[in-house]
Every structure is written in C-alpha cells, then in structure tokens.
Amino acid sequence: MAAKAYRLLRAILTTAVDEDKVLPANPCRVKGAGGEHAPERPVLAVAKVFKLADRIGVRGAMRAHPELFTTRTEAERALWELLNQGQADGDRDTRFHALVLLAAFASLRWGEVTALRRCDLDMTAGTVRVRTAFTERSNGQMILGLPKSRAGLPNGERTRRDPARPRRSPG
C-alpha cells in the first residue's frame, strides 16, 4: 500500500516539475520505494501434494451421477443403488485427485483448472490445453472466458506438457 502511495505522490510531483513548473525538482528520489515486494508464497513439497490429492476425495458418499435429481431423497436412493451394485465407491470420490495434481504440477490457476473439460486433455501426448478460465466478478458471479496469458497469445490459449513424460525428438 505504501509503495502505491509513493508512486502516486511521485507522479503528482513529476507533473508539478515537468508540466506545471511549480517545483524546481522532484523530492521523491528514494530508490526502490515505489516497488512492491510480495512475500514468497508457500509451496507444498511433492510428497504433500500427493498426500493432499489422495485425501481430498475421502468422505461418506460419492455425489457423481449422470442424472439431475429434484430432491435429495431421490439422489440418495440412486446413490445407495449404485453402492449396492458396486458401481460407486462410498469411501472415496476420486474426481478431484487430478484437479489437485494439475493445479500443483502444471501450475494452473484455480479458474483454469476448474474450467477444464475432457476434450482439453490429450492423454497420448500428455498435454493439457488451457482454452478457458472462470473468473469471479465483484458480485460473486462466475464468468467463463479466456485465460490470462503472459505470453500474449491472441486468444490466451496455451498448452501444458506432463513433466513426467520425456519430450519426443523431432523426425
């Protein structure tokens, strides 16, 4: 916050010196005072990432089903049928395992990893295409749009390669 205030004051005084000719020189000359230095974000060790991925889906009952249910009772009845038929795992929901691993090892942002679809994954090449991302507006509404891109790509799309796979040699 102080760095932003210093930059604003320096800009105002620069205008007073250069354009308005009110001051002979800008008194804001402290080197580095306008720079912001965010503390380094904590990073999980690789073993802890895998532990988190393994534990994230542990819960009482799986909540994935191709149908939409109008009541909770209908949904629970369908879940119990799946459990009894051996088509659902009542102890673990593995859907979020890949989400944790992609977010950690492919350096995907939350909005990017939650916007991924199956067609964005190329299991043969070991790549993930980031074509869309969710962003949250100030009113809490989630909007699906283009991802951020430092590379300056025209549509923001980029591809991440599986770091565990060796690169293919050309030709």
C-alpha atoms as a PDB file:
ATOM      1  CA  MET A   1       0.000   0.000   0.000  1.00  0.00           C
ATOM      2  CA  ALA A   2       2.825   2.399   0.862  1.00  0.00           C
ATOM      3  CA  ALA A   3       4.518   1.717  -2.486  1.00  0.00           C
ATOM      4  CA  LYS A   4       1.365   2.674  -4.384  1.00  0.00           C
ATOM      5  CA  ALA A   5       1.010   5.871  -2.352  1.00  0.00           C
ATOM      6  CA  TYR A   6       4.665   6.705  -3.055  1.00  0.00           C
ATOM      7  CA  ARG A   7       4.224   6.123  -6.810  1.00  0.00           C
ATOM      8  CA  LEU A   8       1.149   8.376  -6.846  1.00  0.00           C
ATOM      9  CA  LEU A   9       2.968  11.134  -4.940  1.00  0.00           C
ATOM     10  CA  ARG A  10       5.991  10.820  -7.263  1.00  0.00           C
ATOM     11  CA  ALA A  11       3.718  11.087 -10.333  1.00  0.00           C
ATOM     12  CA  ILE A  12       1.980  14.179  -8.953  1.00  0.00           C
ATOM     13  CA  LEU A  13       5.285  15.854  -8.133  1.00  0.00           C
ATOM     14  CA  THR A  14       6.724  14.922 -11.531  1.00  0.00           C
ATOM     15  CA  THR A  15       3.783  16.735 -13.144  1.00  0.00           C
ATOM     16  CA  ALA A  16       4.426  19.732 -10.865  1.00  0.00           C
ATOM     17  CA  VAL A  17       8.064  19.798 -12.017  1.00  0.00           C
ATOM     18  CA  ASP A  18       7.803  18.945 -15.728  1.00  0.00           C
ATOM     19  CA  GLU A  19       4.485  20.382 -16.837  1.00  0.00           C
ATOM     20  CA  ASP A  20       3.371  22.955 -14.283  1.00  0.00           C
ATOM     21  CA  LYS A  21       6.877  24.249 -13.468  1.00  0.00           C
ATOM     22  CA  VAL A  22       5.781  24.791  -9.847  1.00  0.00           C
ATOM     23  CA  LEU A  23       8.728  22.917  -8.306  1.00  0.00           C
ATOM     24  CA  PRO A  24      12.386  23.038  -9.372  1.00  0.00           C
ATOM     25  CA  ALA A  25      12.939  19.286  -8.711  1.00  0.00           C
ATOM     26  CA  ASN A  26      11.022  16.227  -7.606  1.00  0.00           C
ATOM     27  CA  PRO A  27      11.805  15.459  -3.956  1.00  0.00           C
ATOM     28  CA  CYS A  28      10.673  11.815  -4.377  1.00  0.00           C
ATOM     29  CA  ARG A  29      14.036  10.145  -5.020  1.00  0.00           C
ATOM     30  CA  VAL A  30      14.082   7.118  -2.745  1.00  0.00           C
ATOM     31  CA  LYS A  31      15.334   4.168  -4.810  1.00  0.00           C
ATOM     32  CA  GLY A  32      13.028   1.171  -4.682  1.00  0.00           C
ATOM     33  CA  ALA A  33      10.325   2.973  -2.693  1.00  0.00           C
ATOM     34  CA  GLY A  34       7.786   2.540  -5.499  1.00  0.00           C
ATOM     35  CA  GLY A  35       8.413  -1.183  -5.869  1.00  0.00           C
ATOM     36  CA  GLU A  36       6.192  -3.757  -4.239  1.00  0.00           C
ATOM     37  CA  HIS A  37       7.725  -6.934  -2.951  1.00  0.00           C
ATOM     38  CA  ALA A  38       5.111  -9.567  -2.192  1.00  0.00           C
ATOM     39  CA  PRO A  39       6.205 -12.276   0.225  1.00  0.00           C
ATOM     40  CA  GLU A  40       7.004 -15.582  -1.406  1.00  0.00           C
ATOM     41  CA  ARG A  41       4.014 -17.894  -1.470  1.00  0.00           C
ATOM     42  CA  PRO A  42       4.397 -21.142   0.405  1.00  0.00           C
ATOM     43  CA  VAL A  43       4.863 -24.206  -1.787  1.00  0.00           C
ATOM     44  CA  LEU A  44       3.933 -27.758  -0.833  1.00  0.00           C
ATOM     45  CA  ALA A  45       6.558 -30.449  -1.043  1.00  0.00           C
ATOM     46  CA  VAL A  46       5.873 -33.048  -3.736  1.00  0.00           C
ATOM     47  CA  ALA A  47       5.006 -35.717  -1.161  1.00  0.00           C
ATOM     48  CA  LYS A  48       2.464 -33.382   0.458  1.00  0.00           C
ATOM     49  CA  VAL A  49       0.843 -32.651  -2.923  1.00  0.00           C
ATOM     50  CA  PHE A  50       0.294 -36.381  -3.476  1.00  0.00           C
ATOM     51  CA  LYS A  51      -0.978 -36.798   0.082  1.00  0.00           C
ATOM     52  CA  LEU A  52      -3.450 -33.947  -0.449  1.00  0.00           C
ATOM     53  CA  ALA A  53      -4.585 -35.448  -3.776  1.00  0.00           C
ATOM     54  CA  ASP A  54      -5.124 -38.827  -2.094  1.00  0.00           C
ATOM     55  CA  ARG A  55      -7.064 -37.366   0.827  1.00  0.00           C
ATOM     56  CA  ILE A  56      -9.203 -34.770  -0.931  1.00  0.00           C
ATOM     57  CA  GLY A  57     -11.907 -37.196  -2.019  1.00  0.00           C
ATOM     58  CA  VAL A  58     -12.243 -39.146   1.230  1.00  0.00           C
ATOM     59  CA  ARG A  59     -15.772 -38.730   2.543  1.00  0.00           C
ATOM     60  CA  GLY A  60     -19.001 -40.534   3.287  1.00  0.00           C
ATOM     61  CA  ALA A  61     -20.579 -40.951  -0.139  1.00  0.00           C
ATOM     62  CA  MET A  62     -19.855 -40.159  -3.771  1.00  0.00           C
ATOM     63  CA  ARG A  63     -22.010 -37.485  -5.359  1.00  0.00           C
ATOM     64  CA  ALA A  64     -21.443 -38.093  -9.083  1.00  0.00           C
ATOM     65  CA  HIS A  65     -24.368 -39.244 -11.210  1.00  0.00           C
ATOM     66  CA  PRO A  66     -25.362 -38.539 -14.836  1.00  0.00           C
ATOM     67  CA  GLU A  67     -28.912 -37.520 -13.845  1.00  0.00           C
ATOM     68  CA  LEU A  68     -30.174 -34.416 -12.090  1.00  0.00           C
ATOM     69  CA  PHE A  69     -32.429 -35.076  -9.123  1.00  0.00           C
ATOM     70  CA  THR A  70     -35.225 -32.831  -7.910  1.00  0.00           C
ATOM     71  CA  THR A  71     -34.921 -33.913  -4.272  1.00  0.00           C
ATOM     72  CA  ARG A  72     -32.133 -35.044  -2.008  1.00  0.00           C
ATOM     73  CA  THR A  73     -34.085 -38.225  -1.239  1.00  0.00           C
ATOM     74  CA  GLU A  74     -34.078 -39.235  -4.919  1.00  0.00           C
ATOM     75  CA  ALA A  75     -30.342 -38.591  -5.142  1.00  0.00           C
ATOM     76  CA  GLU A  76     -29.612 -40.623  -2.009  1.00  0.00           C
ATOM     77  CA  ARG A  77     -31.771 -43.506  -3.266  1.00  0.00           C
ATOM     78  CA  ALA A  78     -29.860 -43.555  -6.571  1.00  0.00           C
ATOM     79  CA  LEU A  79     -26.537 -43.431  -4.717  1.00  0.00           C
ATOM     80  CA  TRP A  80     -27.455 -46.383  -2.496  1.00  0.00           C
ATOM     81  CA  GLU A  81     -28.451 -48.384  -5.578  1.00  0.00           C
ATOM     82  CA  LEU A  82     -25.072 -47.628  -7.178  1.00  0.00           C
ATOM     83  CA  LEU A  83     -23.257 -48.568  -3.966  1.00  0.00           C
ATOM     84  CA  ASN A  84     -25.158 -51.849  -3.675  1.00  0.00           C
ATOM     85  CA  GLN A  85     -24.385 -52.703  -7.316  1.00  0.00           C
ATOM     86  CA  GLY A  86     -20.687 -51.951  -6.777  1.00  0.00           C
ATOM     87  CA  GLN A  87     -20.774 -49.050  -9.262  1.00  0.00           C
ATOM     88  CA  ALA A  88     -19.829 -46.364  -6.729  1.00  0.00           C
ATOM     89  CA  ASP A  89     -17.176 -46.059  -4.072  1.00  0.00           C
ATOM     90  CA  GLY A  90     -18.739 -44.967  -0.800  1.00  0.00           C
ATOM     91  CA  ASP A  91     -15.412 -44.108   0.825  1.00  0.00           C
ATOM     92  CA  ARG A  92     -13.691 -42.095  -1.874  1.00  0.00           C
ATOM     93  CA  ASP A  93     -14.543 -39.584  -4.604  1.00  0.00           C
ATOM     94  CA  THR A  94     -11.593 -39.600  -6.994  1.00  0.00           C
ATOM     95  CA  ARG A  95     -12.815 -36.798  -9.272  1.00  0.00           C
ATOM     96  CA  PHE A  96     -10.701 -34.172  -7.520  1.00  0.00           C
ATOM     97  CA  HIS A  97      -7.465 -36.179  -7.469  1.00  0.00           C
ATOM     98  CA  ALA A  98      -6.491 -34.977 -10.957  1.00  0.00           C
ATOM     99  CA  LEU A  99      -7.597 -31.420 -10.139  1.00  0.00           C
ATOM    100  CA  VAL A 100      -5.075 -31.187  -7.292  1.00  0.00           C
ATOM    101  CA  LEU A 101      -2.261 -32.722  -9.349  1.00  0.00           C
ATOM    102  CA  LEU A 102      -2.904 -30.449 -12.353  1.00  0.00           C
ATOM    103  CA  ALA A 103      -3.110 -27.333 -10.223  1.00  0.00           C
ATOM    104  CA  ALA A 104       0.158 -28.165  -8.480  1.00  0.00           C
ATOM    105  CA  PHE A 105       2.323 -29.654 -11.204  1.00  0.00           C
ATOM    106  CA  ALA A 106       1.021 -27.873 -14.320  1.00  0.00           C
ATOM    107  CA  SER A 107       0.900 -24.502 -12.497  1.00  0.00           C
ATOM    108  CA  LEU A 108      -2.718 -23.946 -13.455  1.00  0.00           C
ATOM    109  CA  ARG A 109      -4.743 -21.222 -11.800  1.00  0.00           C
ATOM    110  CA  TRP A 110      -7.943 -22.156  -9.930  1.00  0.00           C
ATOM    111  CA  GLY A 111     -10.161 -20.653 -12.660  1.00  0.00           C
ATOM    112  CA  GLU A 112      -8.248 -22.562 -15.359  1.00  0.00           C
ATOM    113  CA  VAL A 113      -8.269 -25.966 -13.700  1.00  0.00           C
ATOM    114  CA  THR A 114     -11.977 -25.744 -12.833  1.00  0.00           C
ATOM    115  CA  ALA A 115     -12.856 -24.805 -16.423  1.00  0.00           C
ATOM    116  CA  LEU A 116     -11.101 -27.823 -17.975  1.00  0.00           C
ATOM    117  CA  ARG A 117     -13.139 -30.340 -19.945  1.00  0.00           C
ATOM    118  CA  ARG A 118     -12.213 -33.834 -21.056  1.00  0.00           C
ATOM    119  CA  CYS A 119     -11.543 -32.600 -24.597  1.00  0.00           C
ATOM    120  CA  ASP A 120      -8.773 -30.356 -23.176  1.00  0.00           C
ATOM    121  CA  LEU A 121      -6.743 -33.401 -22.102  1.00  0.00           C
ATOM    122  CA  ASP A 122      -4.597 -35.302 -24.601  1.00  0.00           C
ATOM    123  CA  MET A 123      -3.577 -38.436 -22.736  1.00  0.00           C
ATOM    124  CA  THR A 124      -1.457 -39.706 -25.659  1.00  0.00           C
ATOM    125  CA  ALA A 125       0.669 -36.564 -25.889  1.00  0.00           C
ATOM    126  CA  GLY A 126       0.476 -35.907 -22.153  1.00  0.00           C
ATOM    127  CA  THR A 127      -0.745 -32.338 -22.609  1.00  0.00           C
ATOM    128  CA  VAL A 128      -3.459 -30.087 -21.233  1.00  0.00           C
ATOM    129  CA  ARG A 129      -4.903 -27.284 -23.385  1.00  0.00           C
ATOM    130  CA  VAL A 130      -5.972 -24.278 -21.337  1.00  0.00           C
ATOM    131  CA  ARG A 131      -8.592 -22.592 -23.505  1.00  0.00           C
ATOM    132  CA  THR A 132     -10.972 -21.123 -20.931  1.00  0.00           C
ATOM    133  CA  ALA A 133     -10.993 -19.992 -17.315  1.00  0.00           C
ATOM    134  CA  PHE A 134     -13.547 -18.975 -14.736  1.00  0.00           C
ATOM    135  CA  THR A 135     -13.230 -15.526 -13.212  1.00  0.00           C
ATOM    136  CA  GLU A 136     -15.234 -14.191 -10.316  1.00  0.00           C
ATOM    137  CA  ARG A 137     -16.873 -10.802 -10.566  1.00  0.00           C
ATOM    138  CA  SER A 138     -17.162  -8.472  -7.587  1.00  0.00           C
ATOM    139  CA  ASN A 139     -20.798  -9.557  -7.149  1.00  0.00           C
ATOM    140  CA  GLY A 140     -19.737 -13.217  -6.787  1.00  0.00           C
ATOM    141  CA  GLN A 141     -20.911 -14.252 -10.275  1.00  0.00           C
ATOM    142  CA  MET A 142     -18.614 -16.716 -12.062  1.00  0.00           C
ATOM    143  CA  ILE A 143     -17.910 -15.937 -15.732  1.00  0.00           C
ATOM    144  CA  LEU A 144     -16.346 -18.337 -18.233  1.00  0.00           C
ATOM    145  CA  GLY A 145     -13.900 -16.539 -20.508  1.00  0.00           C
ATOM    146  CA  LEU A 146     -10.368 -16.571 -21.861  1.00  0.00           C
ATOM    147  CA  PRO A 147      -7.491 -17.409 -19.521  1.00  0.00           C
ATOM    148  CA  LYS A 148      -4.822 -14.908 -18.519  1.00  0.00           C
ATOM    149  CA  SER A 149      -1.743 -15.108 -20.677  1.00  0.00           C
ATOM    150  CA  ARG A 150       1.667 -13.584 -20.139  1.00  0.00           C
ATOM    151  CA  ALA A 151       2.736 -14.973 -23.489  1.00  0.00           C
ATOM    152  CA  GLY A 152       0.487 -12.506 -25.303  1.00  0.00           C
ATOM    153  CA  LEU A 153      -1.247 -15.185 -27.328  1.00  0.00           C
ATOM    154  CA  PRO A 154      -4.198 -13.752 -29.262  1.00  0.00           C
ATOM    155  CA  ASN A 155      -6.816 -15.943 -27.598  1.00  0.00           C
ATOM    156  CA  GLY A 156      -4.999 -16.688 -24.352  1.00  0.00           C
ATOM    157  CA  GLU A 157      -4.838 -20.426 -25.119  1.00  0.00           C
ATOM    158  CA  ARG A 158      -1.772 -22.363 -24.040  1.00  0.00           C
ATOM    159  CA  THR A 159      -0.710 -25.976 -23.644  1.00  0.00           C
ATOM    160  CA  ARG A 160       0.960 -27.596 -20.641  1.00  0.00           C
ATOM    161  CA  ARG A 161       3.031 -30.757 -21.052  1.00  0.00           C
ATOM    162  CA  ASP A 162       3.163 -33.559 -18.485  1.00  0.00           C
ATOM    163  CA  PRO A 163       6.573 -33.008 -16.831  1.00  0.00           C
ATOM    164  CA  ALA A 164       6.934 -36.729 -16.104  1.00  0.00           C
ATOM    165  CA  ARG A 165       6.881 -37.601 -19.802  1.00  0.00           C
ATOM    166  CA  PRO A 166      10.038 -37.254 -21.899  1.00  0.00           C
ATOM    167  CA  ARG A 167       9.888 -34.893 -24.856  1.00  0.00           C
ATOM    168  CA  ARG A 168       9.621 -36.558 -28.244  1.00  0.00           C
ATOM    169  CA  SER A 169      12.546 -35.927 -30.547  1.00  0.00           C
ATOM    170  CA  PRO A 170      11.573 -34.430 -33.929  1.00  0.00           C
ATOM    171  CA  GLY A 171      11.512 -36.576 -37.012  1.00  0.00           C
END
